[in-house]
């Protein structure tokens, strides 16, 4: 029913994050806040996917996606599961 995320799909986002770093390096305070911002973003997308799954809007093109990807990402960012397991999970 849901599409799975593979490590190949995550590779472009890794490239974007390193490319941005080359142009403007993060300040120490930004570097300190980055993990919290990553967790906030994963939580926001998890809530959005849960909302679309359990309280769908009347939109013909809306297709609910698996919220499990962002749950795994959030758990990985919180240090609950290793990154390799988060990437391999269906």
PDB file of N, CA and C in Angstrom:
ATOM      1  N   UNK A   1       0.823  -1.189   0.000  1.00  0.00           N
ATOM      2  CA  UNK A   1       0.000   0.000   0.000  1.00  0.00           C
ATOM      3  C   UNK A   1       0.873   1.262   0.000  1.00  0.00           C
ATOM      4  N   UNK A   2       1.936   1.273   0.798  1.00  0.00           N
ATOM      5  CA  UNK A   2       2.802   2.440   0.885  1.00  0.00           C
ATOM      6  C   UNK A   2       4.124   2.169   0.197  1.00  0.00           C
ATOM      7  N   UNK A   3       4.734   3.234  -0.299  1.00  0.00           N
ATOM      8  CA  UNK A   3       6.053   3.116  -0.896  1.00  0.00           C
ATOM      9  C   UNK A   3       7.100   3.062   0.214  1.00  0.00           C
ATOM     10  N   UNK A   4       8.181   2.334  -0.021  1.00  0.00           N
ATOM     11  CA  UNK A   4       9.250   2.284   0.962  1.00  0.00           C
ATOM     12  C   UNK A   4      10.352   3.261   0.565  1.00  0.00           C
ATOM     13  N   UNK A   5      11.097   3.706   1.546  1.00  0.00           N
ATOM     14  CA  UNK A   5      12.202   4.631   1.300  1.00  0.00           C
ATOM     15  C   UNK A   5      13.494   3.845   1.289  1.00  0.00           C
ATOM     16  N   UNK A   6      14.296   4.053   0.276  1.00  0.00           N
ATOM     17  CA  UNK A   6      15.581   3.369   0.193  1.00  0.00           C
ATOM     18  C   UNK A   6      16.704   4.368   0.424  1.00  0.00           C
ATOM     19  N   UNK A   7      17.895   3.850   0.678  1.00  0.00           N
ATOM     20  CA  UNK A   7      19.035   4.743   0.895  1.00  0.00           C
ATOM     21  C   UNK A   7      19.368   5.506  -0.379  1.00  0.00           C
ATOM     22  N   UNK A   8      19.019   4.957  -1.562  1.00  0.00           N
ATOM     23  CA  UNK A   8      19.237   5.675  -2.821  1.00  0.00           C
ATOM     24  C   UNK A   8      18.390   6.949  -2.884  1.00  0.00           C
ATOM     25  N   UNK A   9      17.200   6.898  -2.297  1.00  0.00           N
ATOM     26  CA  UNK A   9      16.331   8.064  -2.299  1.00  0.00           C
ATOM     27  C   UNK A   9      16.832   9.130  -1.325  1.00  0.00           C
ATOM     28  N   UNK A  10      17.565   8.724  -0.298  1.00  0.00           N
ATOM     29  CA  UNK A  10      18.075   9.675   0.686  1.00  0.00           C
ATOM     30  C   UNK A  10      19.354  10.353   0.220  1.00  0.00           C
ATOM     31  N   UNK A  11      20.051   9.785  -0.742  1.00  0.00           N
ATOM     32  CA  UNK A  11      21.343  10.314  -1.197  1.00  0.00           C
ATOM     33  C   UNK A  11      21.263  11.763  -1.694  1.00  0.00           C
ATOM     34  N   UNK A  12      20.249  12.156  -2.506  1.00  0.00           N
ATOM     35  CA  UNK A  12      20.212  13.545  -2.955  1.00  0.00           C
ATOM     36  C   UNK A  12      20.113  14.548  -1.809  1.00  0.00           C
ATOM     37  N   UNK A  13      19.375  14.216  -0.756  1.00  0.00           N
ATOM     38  CA  UNK A  13      19.258  15.155   0.357  1.00  0.00           C
ATOM     39  C   UNK A  13      20.588  15.303   1.084  1.00  0.00           C
ATOM     40  N   UNK A  14      21.369  14.244   1.146  1.00  0.00           N
ATOM     41  CA  UNK A  14      22.692  14.346   1.758  1.00  0.00           C
ATOM     42  C   UNK A  14      23.577  15.278   0.931  1.00  0.00           C
ATOM     43  N   UNK A  15      23.479  15.170  -0.390  1.00  0.00           N
ATOM     44  CA  UNK A  15      24.268  16.035  -1.265  1.00  0.00           C
ATOM     45  C   UNK A  15      23.873  17.491  -1.122  1.00  0.00           C
ATOM     46  N   UNK A  16      22.567  17.751  -0.991  1.00  0.00           N
ATOM     47  CA  UNK A  16      22.113  19.123  -0.811  1.00  0.00           C
ATOM     48  C   UNK A  16      22.643  19.713   0.479  1.00  0.00           C
ATOM     49  N   UNK A  17      22.642  18.927   1.541  1.00  0.00           N
ATOM     50  CA  UNK A  17      23.101  19.465   2.820  1.00  0.00           C
ATOM     51  C   UNK A  17      24.596  19.764   2.787  1.00  0.00           C
ATOM     52  N   UNK A  18      25.378  18.944   2.125  1.00  0.00           N
ATOM     53  CA  UNK A  18      26.816  19.220   2.051  1.00  0.00           C
ATOM     54  C   UNK A  18      27.112  20.343   1.067  1.00  0.00           C
ATOM     55  N   UNK A  19      26.340  20.460  -0.012  1.00  0.00           N
ATOM     56  CA  UNK A  19      26.555  21.539  -0.976  1.00  0.00           C
ATOM     57  C   UNK A  19      26.259  22.889  -0.343  1.00  0.00           C
ATOM     58  N   UNK A  20      25.213  22.965   0.442  1.00  0.00           N
ATOM     59  CA  UNK A  20      24.891  24.213   1.130  1.00  0.00           C
ATOM     60  C   UNK A  20      25.950  24.587   2.140  1.00  0.00           C
ATOM     61  N   UNK A  21      26.544  23.612   2.751  1.00  0.00           N
ATOM     62  CA  UNK A  21      27.575  23.871   3.746  1.00  0.00           C
ATOM     63  C   UNK A  21      28.814  24.489   3.110  1.00  0.00           C
ATOM     64  N   UNK A  22      29.109  24.087   1.875  1.00  0.00           N
ATOM     65  CA  UNK A  22      30.281  24.625   1.193  1.00  0.00           C
ATOM     66  C   UNK A  22      30.130  26.122   0.901  1.00  0.00           C
ATOM     67  N   UNK A  23      28.913  26.565   0.596  1.00  0.00           N
ATOM     68  CA  UNK A  23      28.698  27.978   0.248  1.00  0.00           C
ATOM     69  C   UNK A  23      28.687  28.878   1.472  1.00  0.00           C
ATOM     70  N   UNK A  24      27.969  28.491   2.497  1.00  0.00           N
ATOM     71  CA  UNK A  24      27.919  29.305   3.715  1.00  0.00           C
ATOM     72  C   UNK A  24      27.968  28.370   4.921  1.00  0.00           C
ATOM     73  N   UNK A  25      29.035  28.422   5.627  1.00  0.00           N
ATOM     74  CA  UNK A  25      29.213  27.540   6.775  1.00  0.00           C
ATOM     75  C   UNK A  25      28.303  27.981   7.914  1.00  0.00           C
ATOM     76  N   UNK A  26      27.826  27.007   8.654  1.00  0.00           N
ATOM     77  CA  UNK A  26      26.956  27.302   9.782  1.00  0.00           C
ATOM     78  C   UNK A  26      27.756  27.943  10.910  1.00  0.00           C
ATOM     79  N   UNK A  27      27.093  28.854  11.591  1.00  0.00           N
ATOM     80  CA  UNK A  27      27.717  29.447  12.768  1.00  0.00           C
ATOM     81  C   UNK A  27      27.646  28.419  13.899  1.00  0.00           C
ATOM     82  N   UNK A  28      28.433  28.595  14.950  1.00  0.00           N
ATOM     83  CA  UNK A  28      28.362  27.637  16.058  1.00  0.00           C
ATOM     84  C   UNK A  28      26.964  27.527  16.671  1.00  0.00           C
ATOM     85  N   UNK A  29      26.240  28.639  16.775  1.00  0.00           N
ATOM     86  CA  UNK A  29      24.888  28.566  17.343  1.00  0.00           C
ATOM     87  C   UNK A  29      23.932  27.831  16.401  1.00  0.00           C
ATOM     88  N   UNK A  30      24.094  28.027  15.084  1.00  0.00           N
ATOM     89  CA  UNK A  30      23.263  27.295  14.128  1.00  0.00           C
ATOM     90  C   UNK A  30      23.576  25.807  14.178  1.00  0.00           C
ATOM     91  N   UNK A  31      24.844  25.474  14.285  1.00  0.00           N
ATOM     92  CA  UNK A  31      25.248  24.074  14.380  1.00  0.00           C
ATOM     93  C   UNK A  31      24.672  23.429  15.639  1.00  0.00           C
ATOM     94  N   UNK A  32      24.619  24.208  16.708  1.00  0.00           N
ATOM     95  CA  UNK A  32      24.066  23.706  17.970  1.00  0.00           C
ATOM     96  C   UNK A  32      22.569  23.428  17.849  1.00  0.00           C
ATOM     97  N   UNK A  33      21.857  24.270  17.099  1.00  0.00           N
ATOM     98  CA  UNK A  33      20.403  24.131  16.956  1.00  0.00           C
ATOM     99  C   UNK A  33      19.974  23.184  15.842  1.00  0.00           C
ATOM    100  N   UNK A  34      20.886  22.789  14.974  1.00  0.00           N
ATOM    101  CA  UNK A  34      20.531  21.956  13.829  1.00  0.00           C
ATOM    102  C   UNK A  34      19.841  20.641  14.214  1.00  0.00           C
ATOM    103  N   UNK A  35      20.316  19.883  15.187  1.00  0.00           N
ATOM    104  CA  UNK A  35      19.612  18.648  15.535  1.00  0.00           C
ATOM    105  C   UNK A  35      18.166  18.874  15.983  1.00  0.00           C
ATOM    106  N   UNK A  36      17.928  19.942  16.740  1.00  0.00           N
ATOM    107  CA  UNK A  36      16.559  20.237  17.173  1.00  0.00           C
ATOM    108  C   UNK A  36      15.681  20.608  15.987  1.00  0.00           C
ATOM    109  N   UNK A  37      16.234  21.349  15.037  1.00  0.00           N
ATOM    110  CA  UNK A  37      15.469  21.727  13.852  1.00  0.00           C
ATOM    111  C   UNK A  37      15.173  20.508  12.978  1.00  0.00           C
ATOM    112  N   UNK A  38      16.111  19.581  12.888  1.00  0.00           N
ATOM    113  CA  UNK A  38      15.874  18.355  12.124  1.00  0.00           C
ATOM    114  C   UNK A  38      14.765  17.537  12.775  1.00  0.00           C
ATOM    115  N   UNK A  39      14.794  17.434  14.094  1.00  0.00           N
ATOM    116  CA  UNK A  39      13.733  16.700  14.795  1.00  0.00           C
ATOM    117  C   UNK A  39      12.383  17.383  14.602  1.00  0.00           C
ATOM    118  N   UNK A  40      12.359  18.713  14.659  1.00  0.00           N
ATOM    119  CA  UNK A  40      11.106  19.455  14.472  1.00  0.00           C
ATOM    120  C   UNK A  40      10.547  19.227  13.066  1.00  0.00           C
ATOM    121  N   UNK A  41      11.414  19.225  12.064  1.00  0.00           N
ATOM    122  CA  UNK A  41      10.961  19.002  10.693  1.00  0.00           C
ATOM    123  C   UNK A  41      10.408  17.587  10.525  1.00  0.00           C
ATOM    124  N   UNK A  42      11.102  16.598  11.066  1.00  0.00           N
ATOM    125  CA  UNK A  42      10.621  15.211  10.968  1.00  0.00           C
ATOM    126  C   UNK A  42       9.280  15.066  11.679  1.00  0.00           C
ATOM    127  N   UNK A  43       9.128  15.719  12.838  1.00  0.00           N
ATOM    128  CA  UNK A  43       7.871  15.650  13.589  1.00  0.00           C
ATOM    129  C   UNK A  43       6.737  16.313  12.812  1.00  0.00           C
ATOM    130  N   UNK A  44       7.030  17.443  12.178  1.00  0.00           N
ATOM    131  CA  UNK A  44       6.018  18.146  11.398  1.00  0.00           C
ATOM    132  C   UNK A  44       5.527  17.292  10.234  1.00  0.00           C
ATOM    133  N   UNK A  45       6.461  16.642   9.517  1.00  0.00           N
ATOM    134  CA  UNK A  45       6.059  15.791   8.405  1.00  0.00           C
ATOM    135  C   UNK A  45       5.348  14.531   8.889  1.00  0.00           C
ATOM    136  N   UNK A  46       5.755  13.993  10.036  1.00  0.00           N
ATOM    137  CA  UNK A  46       5.056  12.838  10.606  1.00  0.00           C
ATOM    138  C   UNK A  46       3.608  13.206  10.908  1.00  0.00           C
ATOM    139  N   UNK A  47       3.389  14.347  11.557  1.00  0.00           N
ATOM    140  CA  UNK A  47       2.023  14.782  11.863  1.00  0.00           C
ATOM    141  C   UNK A  47       1.211  15.006  10.592  1.00  0.00           C
ATOM    142  N   UNK A  48       1.821  15.593   9.587  1.00  0.00           N
ATOM    143  CA  UNK A  48       1.134  15.840   8.329  1.00  0.00           C
ATOM    144  C   UNK A  48       0.693  14.535   7.674  1.00  0.00           C
ATOM    145  N   UNK A  49       1.590  13.561   7.674  1.00  0.00           N
ATOM    146  CA  UNK A  49       1.241  12.265   7.063  1.00  0.00           C
ATOM    147  C   UNK A  49       0.178  11.535   7.873  1.00  0.00           C
ATOM    148  N   UNK A  50       0.262  11.621   9.199  1.00  0.00           N
ATOM    149  CA  UNK A  50      -0.768  10.996  10.042  1.00  0.00           C
ATOM    150  C   UNK A  50      -2.119  11.660   9.806  1.00  0.00           C
ATOM    151  N   UNK A  51      -2.119  12.972   9.686  1.00  0.00           N
ATOM    152  CA  UNK A  51      -3.361  13.714   9.435  1.00  0.00           C
ATOM    153  C   UNK A  51      -3.981  13.262   8.111  1.00  0.00           C
ATOM    154  N   UNK A  52      -3.187  13.183   7.071  1.00  0.00           N
ATOM    155  CA  UNK A  52      -3.703  12.763   5.763  1.00  0.00           C
ATOM    156  C   UNK A  52      -4.188  11.318   5.782  1.00  0.00           C
ATOM    157  N   UNK A  53      -3.576  10.488   6.605  1.00  0.00           N
ATOM    158  CA  UNK A  53      -3.963   9.082   6.671  1.00  0.00           C
ATOM    159  C   UNK A  53      -5.263   8.890   7.442  1.00  0.00           C
ATOM    160  N   UNK A  54      -5.383   9.544   8.607  1.00  0.00           N
ATOM    161  CA  UNK A  54      -6.534   9.296   9.483  1.00  0.00           C
ATOM    162  C   UNK A  54      -7.656  10.317   9.363  1.00  0.00           C
ATOM    163  N   UNK A  55      -7.349  11.525   8.877  1.00  0.00           N
ATOM    164  CA  UNK A  55      -8.369  12.554   8.683  1.00  0.00           C
ATOM    165  C   UNK A  55      -8.214  13.153   7.278  1.00  0.00           C
ATOM    166  N   UNK A  56      -8.477  12.334   6.260  1.00  0.00           N
ATOM    167  CA  UNK A  56      -8.230  12.807   4.892  1.00  0.00           C
ATOM    168  C   UNK A  56      -9.148  13.965   4.505  1.00  0.00           C
ATOM    169  N   UNK A  57      -8.589  14.852   3.685  1.00  0.00           N
ATOM    170  CA  UNK A  57      -9.368  15.962   3.139  1.00  0.00           C
ATOM    171  C   UNK A  57     -10.079  15.489   1.878  1.00  0.00           C
ATOM    172  N   UNK A  58     -11.061  16.238   1.444  1.00  0.00           N
ATOM    173  CA  UNK A  58     -11.770  15.909   0.209  1.00  0.00           C
ATOM    174  C   UNK A  58     -10.977  16.458  -0.960  1.00  0.00           C
ATOM    175  N   UNK A  59      -9.939  15.750  -1.321  1.00  0.00           N
ATOM    176  CA  UNK A  59      -9.102  16.151  -2.455  1.00  0.00           C
ATOM    177  C   UNK A  59      -8.888  14.915  -3.319  1.00  0.00           C
ATOM    178  N   UNK A  60      -9.219  15.035  -4.577  1.00  0.00           N
ATOM    179  CA  UNK A  60      -9.147  13.859  -5.451  1.00  0.00           C
ATOM    180  C   UNK A  60      -7.715  13.414  -5.699  1.00  0.00           C
ATOM    181  N   UNK A  61      -6.762  14.340  -5.644  1.00  0.00           N
ATOM    182  CA  UNK A  61      -5.381  13.985  -5.923  1.00  0.00           C
ATOM    183  C   UNK A  61      -4.581  13.625  -4.674  1.00  0.00           C
ATOM    184  N   UNK A  62      -5.186  13.751  -3.502  1.00  0.00           N
ATOM    185  CA  UNK A  62      -4.476  13.455  -2.259  1.00  0.00           C
ATOM    186  C   UNK A  62      -4.330  11.953  -2.086  1.00  0.00           C
ATOM    187  N   UNK A  63      -3.101  11.511  -1.969  1.00  0.00           N
ATOM    188  CA  UNK A  63      -2.828  10.096  -1.743  1.00  0.00           C
ATOM    189  C   UNK A  63      -2.048   9.992  -0.428  1.00  0.00           C
ATOM    190  N   UNK A  64      -2.631   9.365   0.580  1.00  0.00           N
ATOM    191  CA  UNK A  64      -1.909   9.256   1.856  1.00  0.00           C
ATOM    192  C   UNK A  64      -0.626   8.443   1.685  1.00  0.00           C
ATOM    193  N   UNK A  65       0.431   8.917   2.298  1.00  0.00           N
ATOM    194  CA  UNK A  65       1.720   8.232   2.266  1.00  0.00           C
ATOM    195  C   UNK A  65       2.016   7.636   3.630  1.00  0.00           C
ATOM    196  N   UNK A  66       2.916   6.690   3.643  1.00  0.00           N
ATOM    197  CA  UNK A  66       3.293   5.994   4.864  1.00  0.00           C
ATOM    198  C   UNK A  66       3.947   6.955   5.857  1.00  0.00           C
ATOM    199  N   UNK A  67       3.349   7.145   7.039  1.00  0.00           N
ATOM    200  CA  UNK A  67       3.969   8.004   8.039  1.00  0.00           C
ATOM    201  C   UNK A  67       5.167   7.338   8.710  1.00  0.00           C
ATOM    202  N   UNK A  68       5.354   6.055   8.472  1.00  0.00           N
ATOM    203  CA  UNK A  68       6.441   5.313   9.113  1.00  0.00           C
ATOM    204  C   UNK A  68       7.823   5.834   8.768  1.00  0.00           C
ATOM    205  N   UNK A  69       7.997   6.374   7.550  1.00  0.00           N
ATOM    206  CA  UNK A  69       9.306   6.904   7.164  1.00  0.00           C
ATOM    207  C   UNK A  69       9.731   8.018   8.114  1.00  0.00           C
ATOM    208  N   UNK A  70       8.828   8.963   8.371  1.00  0.00           N
ATOM    209  CA  UNK A  70       9.187  10.081   9.236  1.00  0.00           C
ATOM    210  C   UNK A  70       9.218   9.678  10.707  1.00  0.00           C
ATOM    211  N   UNK A  71       8.473   8.647  11.061  1.00  0.00           N
ATOM    212  CA  UNK A  71       8.593   8.121  12.429  1.00  0.00           C
ATOM    213  C   UNK A  71       9.991   7.543  12.632  1.00  0.00           C
ATOM    214  N   UNK A  72      10.460   6.770  11.633  1.00  0.00           N
ATOM    215  CA  UNK A  72      11.817   6.221  11.720  1.00  0.00           C
ATOM    216  C   UNK A  72      12.866   7.324  11.735  1.00  0.00           C
ATOM    217  N   UNK A  73      12.670   8.346  10.898  1.00  0.00           N
ATOM    218  CA  UNK A  73      13.617   9.461  10.869  1.00  0.00           C
ATOM    219  C   UNK A  73      13.661  10.173  12.217  1.00  0.00           C
ATOM    220  N   UNK A  74      12.497  10.409  12.801  1.00  0.00           N
ATOM    221  CA  UNK A  74      12.432  11.069  14.100  1.00  0.00           C
ATOM    222  C   UNK A  74      13.109  10.222  15.168  1.00  0.00           C
ATOM    223  N   UNK A  75      12.834   8.928  15.160  1.00  0.00           N
ATOM    224  CA  UNK A  75      13.470   8.040  16.138  1.00  0.00           C
ATOM    225  C   UNK A  75      14.981   7.991  15.933  1.00  0.00           C
ATOM    226  N   UNK A  76      15.424   8.010  14.678  1.00  0.00           N
ATOM    227  CA  UNK A  76      16.853   8.008  14.408  1.00  0.00           C
ATOM    228  C   UNK A  76      17.490   9.311  14.903  1.00  0.00           C
ATOM    229  N   UNK A  77      16.841  10.436  14.637  1.00  0.00           N
ATOM    230  CA  UNK A  77      17.373  11.730  15.062  1.00  0.00           C
ATOM    231  C   UNK A  77      17.386  11.872  16.584  1.00  0.00           C
ATOM    232  N   UNK A  78      16.492  11.163  17.251  1.00  0.00           N
ATOM    233  CA  UNK A  78      16.483  11.175  18.714  1.00  0.00           C
ATOM    234  C   UNK A  78      17.493  10.187  19.295  1.00  0.00           C
ATOM    235  N   UNK A  79      18.116   9.383  18.430  1.00  0.00           N
ATOM    236  CA  UNK A  79      19.114   8.424  18.892  1.00  0.00           C
ATOM    237  C   UNK A  79      18.532   7.117  19.389  1.00  0.00           C
ATOM    238  N   UNK A  80      17.267   6.863  19.092  1.00  0.00           N
ATOM    239  CA  UNK A  80      16.620   5.642  19.562  1.00  0.00           C
ATOM    240  C   UNK A  80      16.980   4.430  18.706  1.00  0.00           C
ATOM    241  N   UNK A  81      17.246   4.658  17.422  1.00  0.00           N
ATOM    242  CA  UNK A  81      17.634   3.558  16.536  1.00  0.00           C
ATOM    243  C   UNK A  81      18.828   4.010  15.700  1.00  0.00           C
ATOM    244  N   UNK A  82      19.716   3.087  15.336  1.00  0.00           N
ATOM    245  CA  UNK A  82      20.854   3.451  14.492  1.00  0.00           C
ATOM    246  C   UNK A  82      20.412   3.873  13.095  1.00  0.00           C
ATOM    247  N   UNK A  83      21.188   4.701  12.445  1.00  0.00           N
ATOM    248  CA  UNK A  83      20.832   5.223  11.122  1.00  0.00           C
ATOM    249  C   UNK A  83      20.636   4.118  10.099  1.00  0.00           C
ATOM    250  N   UNK A  84      21.496   3.108  10.097  1.00  0.00           N
ATOM    251  CA  UNK A  84      21.385   2.034   9.106  1.00  0.00           C
ATOM    252  C   UNK A  84      20.042   1.323   9.215  1.00  0.00           C
ATOM    253  N   UNK A  85      19.553   1.110  10.423  1.00  0.00           N
ATOM    254  CA  UNK A  85      18.255   0.448  10.606  1.00  0.00           C
ATOM    255  C   UNK A  85      17.152   1.362  10.106  1.00  0.00           C
ATOM    256  N   UNK A  86      17.256   2.657  10.361  1.00  0.00           N
ATOM    257  CA  UNK A  86      16.233   3.603   9.899  1.00  0.00           C
ATOM    258  C   UNK A  86      16.150   3.612   8.386  1.00  0.00           C
ATOM    259  N   UNK A  87      17.287   3.488   7.705  1.00  0.00           N
ATOM    260  CA  UNK A  87      17.297   3.502   6.250  1.00  0.00           C
ATOM    261  C   UNK A  87      16.767   2.206   5.660  1.00  0.00           C
ATOM    262  N   UNK A  88      17.000   1.087   6.329  1.00  0.00           N
ATOM    263  CA  UNK A  88      16.618  -0.211   5.766  1.00  0.00           C
ATOM    264  C   UNK A  88      15.182  -0.584   6.047  1.00  0.00           C
ATOM    265  N   UNK A  89      14.551   0.006   7.043  1.00  0.00           N
ATOM    266  CA  UNK A  89      13.205  -0.403   7.416  1.00  0.00           C
ATOM    267  C   UNK A  89      12.226  -0.125   6.284  1.00  0.00           C
ATOM    268  N   UNK A  90      11.233  -0.989   6.106  1.00  0.00           N
ATOM    269  CA  UNK A  90      10.262  -0.805   5.015  1.00  0.00           C
ATOM    270  C   UNK A  90       9.342   0.366   5.246  1.00  0.00           C
TER     271      UNK A  90
END
